[in-house]
N, C-alpha and C. Protein backbone atom coordinates (compact mmCIF):
# COMPACT_ATOMS: atom_id res chain seq x y z
N MET A 1 122.25 123.88 69.25
CA MET A 1 122.46 125.01 70.14
C MET A 1 121.11 125.58 70.58
N MET A 2 121.07 126.07 71.81
CA MET A 2 119.86 126.70 72.32
C MET A 2 119.73 128.11 71.76
N LYS A 3 118.50 128.48 71.55
CA LYS A 3 118.26 129.85 71.11
C LYS A 3 118.59 130.80 72.27
N GLN A 4 119.26 131.87 71.97
CA GLN A 4 119.68 132.82 73.00
C GLN A 4 118.50 133.43 73.75
N VAL A 5 117.36 133.59 73.08
CA VAL A 5 116.17 134.14 73.75
C VAL A 5 115.72 133.21 74.87
N TRP A 6 115.70 131.90 74.60
CA TRP A 6 115.30 130.93 75.62
C TRP A 6 116.29 130.96 76.78
N VAL A 7 117.57 130.99 76.47
CA VAL A 7 118.60 131.03 77.52
C VAL A 7 118.41 132.26 78.39
N ALA A 8 118.20 133.41 77.76
CA ALA A 8 118.03 134.65 78.51
C ALA A 8 116.80 134.59 79.42
N GLU A 9 115.73 133.97 78.96
CA GLU A 9 114.50 133.91 79.74
C GLU A 9 114.54 132.87 80.86
N HIS A 10 115.30 131.79 80.69
CA HIS A 10 115.22 130.67 81.63
C HIS A 10 116.46 130.41 82.46
N LEU A 11 117.63 130.73 81.96
CA LEU A 11 118.83 130.31 82.67
C LEU A 11 119.56 131.44 83.39
N MET A 12 119.16 132.63 83.21
CA MET A 12 119.86 133.74 83.83
C MET A 12 119.31 134.09 85.22
N GLU A 13 118.22 133.44 85.62
CA GLU A 13 117.64 133.71 86.92
C GLU A 13 117.97 132.56 87.87
N THR A 14 117.98 132.83 89.15
CA THR A 14 118.21 131.80 90.15
C THR A 14 116.94 130.99 90.31
N ARG A 15 117.09 129.65 90.26
CA ARG A 15 115.93 128.77 90.38
C ARG A 15 116.21 127.73 91.45
N CYS A 16 115.19 127.33 92.16
CA CYS A 16 115.31 126.33 93.21
C CYS A 16 114.85 124.98 92.63
N LEU A 17 115.81 124.16 92.20
CA LEU A 17 115.52 122.88 91.56
C LEU A 17 115.97 121.73 92.47
N GLU A 18 115.27 120.61 92.36
CA GLU A 18 115.61 119.45 93.18
C GLU A 18 115.24 118.17 92.43
N PHE A 19 116.12 117.16 92.52
CA PHE A 19 115.81 115.83 92.02
C PHE A 19 115.19 115.04 93.17
N ILE A 20 114.10 114.34 92.88
CA ILE A 20 113.46 113.46 93.85
C ILE A 20 113.58 112.03 93.35
N LEU A 21 114.07 111.14 94.21
CA LEU A 21 114.19 109.73 93.86
C LEU A 21 112.82 109.08 93.86
N LEU A 22 112.43 108.48 92.74
CA LEU A 22 111.15 107.79 92.64
C LEU A 22 111.32 106.30 92.91
N SER A 23 112.36 105.70 92.31
CA SER A 23 112.60 104.27 92.49
C SER A 23 113.96 103.92 91.91
N ARG A 24 114.38 102.70 92.16
CA ARG A 24 115.59 102.14 91.54
C ARG A 24 115.15 101.16 90.47
N SER A 25 116.00 101.00 89.45
CA SER A 25 115.71 99.98 88.44
C SER A 25 116.89 99.03 88.33
N ARG A 26 116.64 97.90 87.75
CA ARG A 26 117.64 96.83 87.70
C ARG A 26 118.87 97.17 86.88
N GLY A 27 118.76 98.09 85.97
CA GLY A 27 119.88 98.43 85.09
C GLY A 27 119.41 98.42 83.65
N ILE A 28 120.31 98.70 82.76
CA ILE A 28 119.99 98.76 81.34
C ILE A 28 120.20 97.38 80.73
N ARG A 29 119.18 96.86 80.08
CA ARG A 29 119.28 95.57 79.41
C ARG A 29 119.49 95.78 77.92
N GLN A 30 120.36 95.02 77.34
CA GLN A 30 120.59 95.05 75.90
C GLN A 30 120.20 93.68 75.34
N THR A 31 119.35 93.65 74.31
CA THR A 31 118.97 92.40 73.68
C THR A 31 119.27 92.48 72.19
N THR A 32 119.38 91.34 71.56
CA THR A 32 119.62 91.34 70.12
C THR A 32 118.33 91.57 69.34
N LEU A 33 117.17 91.26 69.96
CA LEU A 33 115.91 91.44 69.27
C LEU A 33 115.46 92.90 69.24
N GLU A 34 115.70 93.60 70.31
CA GLU A 34 115.24 94.97 70.44
C GLU A 34 116.37 95.83 70.99
N PRO A 35 117.27 96.31 70.15
CA PRO A 35 118.39 97.08 70.69
C PRO A 35 117.93 98.41 71.29
N TYR A 36 118.43 98.71 72.47
CA TYR A 36 118.11 99.96 73.15
C TYR A 36 119.20 100.98 72.83
N PRO A 37 118.86 102.25 72.86
CA PRO A 37 119.92 103.25 72.73
C PRO A 37 120.88 103.14 73.91
N THR A 38 122.09 103.60 73.75
CA THR A 38 123.06 103.55 74.83
C THR A 38 122.76 104.66 75.83
N TYR A 39 122.37 104.27 77.03
CA TYR A 39 122.08 105.22 78.09
C TYR A 39 123.24 105.36 79.05
N LEU A 40 124.17 104.45 78.99
CA LEU A 40 125.17 104.32 80.04
C LEU A 40 126.55 104.18 79.43
N ASP A 41 127.47 105.03 79.84
CA ASP A 41 128.87 104.90 79.43
C ASP A 41 129.49 103.82 80.31
N GLN A 42 129.54 102.60 79.80
CA GLN A 42 129.98 101.47 80.62
C GLN A 42 131.48 101.48 80.88
N GLU A 43 132.22 102.38 80.23
CA GLU A 43 133.63 102.54 80.58
C GLU A 43 133.77 103.32 81.88
N LYS A 44 132.79 104.15 82.21
CA LYS A 44 132.84 104.95 83.44
C LYS A 44 131.96 104.38 84.55
N PHE A 45 130.82 103.79 84.18
CA PHE A 45 129.85 103.34 85.17
C PHE A 45 129.51 101.87 84.94
N ASP A 46 129.52 101.09 86.01
CA ASP A 46 129.16 99.68 85.92
C ASP A 46 127.65 99.53 85.78
N ASN A 47 127.23 98.62 84.91
CA ASN A 47 125.81 98.30 84.76
C ASN A 47 125.50 97.14 85.71
N LYS A 48 125.32 97.50 86.99
CA LYS A 48 125.09 96.48 88.01
C LYS A 48 123.64 96.51 88.47
N LEU A 49 123.26 95.55 89.27
CA LEU A 49 121.89 95.43 89.75
C LEU A 49 121.49 96.67 90.55
N LEU A 50 120.35 97.23 90.23
CA LEU A 50 119.76 98.38 90.90
C LEU A 50 120.64 99.63 90.87
N CYS A 51 121.41 99.82 89.79
CA CYS A 51 122.31 100.96 89.70
C CYS A 51 121.65 102.20 89.10
N MET A 52 120.50 102.03 88.48
CA MET A 52 119.85 103.17 87.83
C MET A 52 118.75 103.73 88.73
N LEU A 53 118.68 105.06 88.78
CA LEU A 53 117.71 105.74 89.62
C LEU A 53 116.68 106.44 88.75
N ASN A 54 115.41 106.18 88.99
CA ASN A 54 114.34 106.89 88.31
C ASN A 54 114.05 108.14 89.14
N VAL A 55 114.20 109.30 88.51
CA VAL A 55 114.10 110.56 89.25
C VAL A 55 113.10 111.50 88.60
N MET A 56 112.65 112.47 89.40
CA MET A 56 111.79 113.54 88.90
C MET A 56 112.47 114.87 89.27
N LEU A 57 112.55 115.78 88.30
CA LEU A 57 113.09 117.11 88.55
C LEU A 57 111.93 118.05 88.84
N ILE A 58 112.02 118.71 89.99
CA ILE A 58 110.97 119.66 90.36
C ILE A 58 111.58 121.05 90.58
N GLU A 59 110.74 122.05 90.43
CA GLU A 59 111.13 123.43 90.74
C GLU A 59 110.22 123.93 91.85
N TRP A 60 110.83 124.40 92.92
CA TRP A 60 110.06 124.90 94.05
C TRP A 60 109.63 126.33 93.81
N GLY A 61 108.34 126.59 94.04
CA GLY A 61 107.80 127.94 94.01
C GLY A 61 107.58 128.41 95.43
N ARG A 62 106.80 129.43 95.58
CA ARG A 62 106.53 129.97 96.91
C ARG A 62 105.74 128.98 97.77
N ASP A 63 104.66 128.43 97.21
CA ASP A 63 103.78 127.55 97.99
C ASP A 63 103.68 126.13 97.45
N SER A 64 104.34 125.85 96.33
CA SER A 64 104.17 124.53 95.71
C SER A 64 105.39 124.19 94.87
N ALA A 65 105.38 122.98 94.36
CA ALA A 65 106.44 122.52 93.47
C ALA A 65 105.83 122.17 92.11
N THR A 66 106.62 122.35 91.06
CA THR A 66 106.19 122.03 89.70
C THR A 66 107.10 120.95 89.14
N ARG A 67 106.51 119.91 88.56
CA ARG A 67 107.30 118.86 87.92
C ARG A 67 107.82 119.38 86.59
N LEU A 68 109.14 119.30 86.41
CA LEU A 68 109.75 119.74 85.16
C LEU A 68 110.07 118.57 84.23
N GLY A 69 110.28 117.39 84.79
CA GLY A 69 110.58 116.24 83.95
C GLY A 69 110.94 115.02 84.79
N VAL A 70 111.03 113.89 84.11
CA VAL A 70 111.47 112.64 84.74
C VAL A 70 112.62 112.09 83.93
N GLY A 71 113.45 111.29 84.57
CA GLY A 71 114.60 110.74 83.87
C GLY A 71 115.22 109.59 84.63
N ILE A 72 116.32 109.09 84.07
CA ILE A 72 117.08 107.98 84.65
C ILE A 72 118.52 108.45 84.83
N ILE A 73 119.06 108.24 86.03
CA ILE A 73 120.43 108.65 86.36
C ILE A 73 121.14 107.46 87.00
N HIS A 74 122.40 107.25 86.65
CA HIS A 74 123.19 106.22 87.30
C HIS A 74 123.54 106.69 88.72
N GLU A 75 123.52 105.77 89.69
CA GLU A 75 123.76 106.14 91.09
C GLU A 75 125.14 106.73 91.32
N ASP A 76 126.11 106.44 90.50
CA ASP A 76 127.47 106.96 90.68
C ASP A 76 127.74 108.23 89.88
N ALA A 77 126.76 108.68 89.11
CA ALA A 77 126.97 109.89 88.27
C ALA A 77 126.88 111.15 89.09
């Protein structure tokens, strides 16, 4: 659970956030030598070619944007 102080400071105000597409990736590969954590609910989303999107989350300020993080999102999510 999040600490209520953090929630009060960060989530109660209106923020201008945007995801920016950086690139597409081939999808999640699973190997027996190096198992990856499960990133994709394959019952809901197909693991097809170029289905994963590499994105950056930014927050717009008055004169500039600030990078908040990067991540991977399925194109159908």
